[in-house]
Amino acid sequence: MDSIIRRTSRLKNKVLKSRLQNILHQATSNEDWNVSIMVMDQIVEHSNNYKDYLVIMKHLWKRLNLYKDRWRKIQKCLNIIEYLILSGNRNCRLEIEIKLMNI
C-alpha cells in the first residue's frame, strides 16, 4: 500500500511541478548517492534566469532549515551551494554571501 502511495505522489510531482523543481527535488532527495555533476550543471544553467534563480535559492534555503534527521538533504543542499559559489550566477554568490550566517 505504501509503495502505491509513493508512486502516485511521484507521478503527481512530475506532472504538477516544473522541470527545474523536479531537478531540485531530485538533487536534494534523501537517496544514498550524491548529486551528479550533470544535475548541478543544469542547476547552474537555470541560475542565469532570474525567475529560476529565485526558485533555486528558495528551495535551497528551505532545505537548509530541515530537521537534523534529514541530514542527507542538508548535505546535498550544501554541496549544491558550494557548486553555485564556484560556478553559479553572480546573484547566487551574493545571496549566499549575505545569508552565510544562516549556514
Protein backbone atom coordinates (compact mmCIF):
# COMPACT_ATOMS: atom_id res chain seq x y z
CA MET A 1 0.00 0.00 0.00
CA ASP A 2 2.84 2.41 0.87
CA SER A 3 4.52 1.80 -2.47
CA ILE A 4 1.32 2.73 -4.34
CA ILE A 5 1.04 5.97 -2.37
CA ARG A 6 4.71 6.77 -3.05
CA ARG A 7 4.32 6.09 -6.77
CA THR A 8 1.23 8.26 -7.10
CA SER A 9 2.97 11.03 -5.17
CA ARG A 10 5.98 10.86 -7.51
CA LEU A 11 3.73 10.88 -10.57
CA LYS A 12 1.80 13.88 -9.24
CA ASN A 13 5.05 15.75 -8.58
CA LYS A 14 6.32 15.04 -12.10
CA VAL A 15 3.12 16.33 -13.66
CA LEU A 16 2.48 19.38 -11.50
CA LYS A 17 6.00 20.67 -10.87
CA SER A 18 8.18 22.45 -13.39
CA ARG A 19 11.29 20.85 -14.85
CA LEU A 20 13.51 22.92 -12.57
CA GLN A 21 11.54 21.95 -9.47
CA ASN A 22 11.88 18.29 -10.43
CA ILE A 23 15.64 18.72 -10.88
CA LEU A 24 15.94 20.42 -7.48
CA HIS A 25 13.79 17.79 -5.79
CA GLN A 26 15.90 15.02 -7.33
CA ALA A 27 19.15 16.79 -6.40
CA THR A 28 18.15 17.27 -2.74
CA SER A 29 16.40 13.95 -2.23
CA ASN A 30 17.05 11.63 0.71
CA GLU A 31 18.68 8.97 -1.50
CA ASP A 32 22.04 7.46 -0.56
CA TRP A 33 24.05 8.78 -3.50
CA ASN A 34 25.45 12.24 -4.03
CA VAL A 35 24.33 14.84 -6.58
CA SER A 36 25.83 14.28 -10.02
CA ILE A 37 27.84 16.99 -11.77
CA MET A 38 25.39 16.92 -14.70
CA VAL A 39 22.47 17.77 -12.39
CA MET A 40 24.46 20.53 -10.70
CA ASP A 41 25.39 21.93 -14.13
CA GLN A 42 21.70 22.06 -15.02
CA ILE A 43 21.00 23.98 -11.81
CA VAL A 44 23.83 26.41 -12.63
CA GLU A 45 22.39 26.94 -16.13
CA HIS A 46 18.97 27.68 -14.65
CA SER A 47 20.51 30.14 -12.19
CA ASN A 48 21.21 32.51 -15.08
CA ASN A 49 17.47 33.11 -15.48
CA TYR A 50 16.21 35.45 -12.72
CA LYS A 51 12.92 33.62 -12.11
CA ASP A 52 14.70 30.28 -11.94
CA TYR A 53 17.34 31.78 -9.67
CA LEU A 54 14.58 32.76 -7.22
CA VAL A 55 13.13 29.24 -7.31
CA ILE A 56 16.58 27.67 -6.76
CA MET A 57 17.51 29.84 -3.80
CA LYS A 58 14.08 29.48 -2.16
CA HIS A 59 14.34 25.69 -2.46
CA LEU A 60 17.89 25.59 -1.07
CA TRP A 61 17.11 27.81 1.93
CA LYS A 62 14.02 25.71 2.66
CA ARG A 63 16.11 22.53 2.62
CA LEU A 64 18.74 24.01 4.93
CA ASN A 65 16.08 24.59 7.59
CA LEU A 66 15.06 20.93 7.84
CA TYR A 67 15.41 18.89 10.99
CA LYS A 68 18.63 17.01 11.67
CA ASP A 69 17.07 13.65 10.78
CA ARG A 70 17.08 14.81 7.14
CA TRP A 71 20.85 15.21 7.12
CA ARG A 72 21.29 13.81 3.59
CA LYS A 73 19.08 16.52 2.13
CA ILE A 74 21.02 19.16 4.06
CA GLN A 75 24.36 17.72 2.91
CA LYS A 76 23.24 17.66 -0.73
CA CYS A 77 21.96 21.21 -0.40
CA LEU A 78 25.36 22.33 0.93
CA ASN A 79 27.07 20.58 -2.00
CA ILE A 80 24.86 22.48 -4.44
CA ILE A 81 25.55 25.76 -2.64
CA GLU A 82 29.28 25.10 -2.88
CA TYR A 83 28.94 24.39 -6.60
CA LEU A 84 26.89 27.56 -7.10
CA ILE A 85 29.61 29.59 -5.36
CA LEU A 86 32.22 28.15 -7.71
CA SER A 87 30.25 28.09 -10.97
CA GLY A 88 26.92 29.82 -10.49
CA ASN A 89 25.48 33.17 -11.31
CA ARG A 90 26.75 36.28 -9.52
CA ASN A 91 23.34 36.74 -7.85
CA CYS A 92 23.64 33.30 -6.27
CA ARG A 93 27.06 34.09 -4.86
CA LEU A 94 25.86 37.42 -3.45
CA GLU A 95 22.81 35.90 -1.77
CA ILE A 96 24.85 33.05 -0.31
CA GLU A 97 27.39 35.56 1.00
CA ILE A 98 24.61 37.61 2.61
CA LYS A 99 22.98 34.56 4.22
CA LEU A 100 26.24 32.92 5.20
CA MET A 101 25.48 33.35 8.89
CA ASN A 102 22.40 31.11 8.50
CA ILE A 103 24.56 28.28 7.25
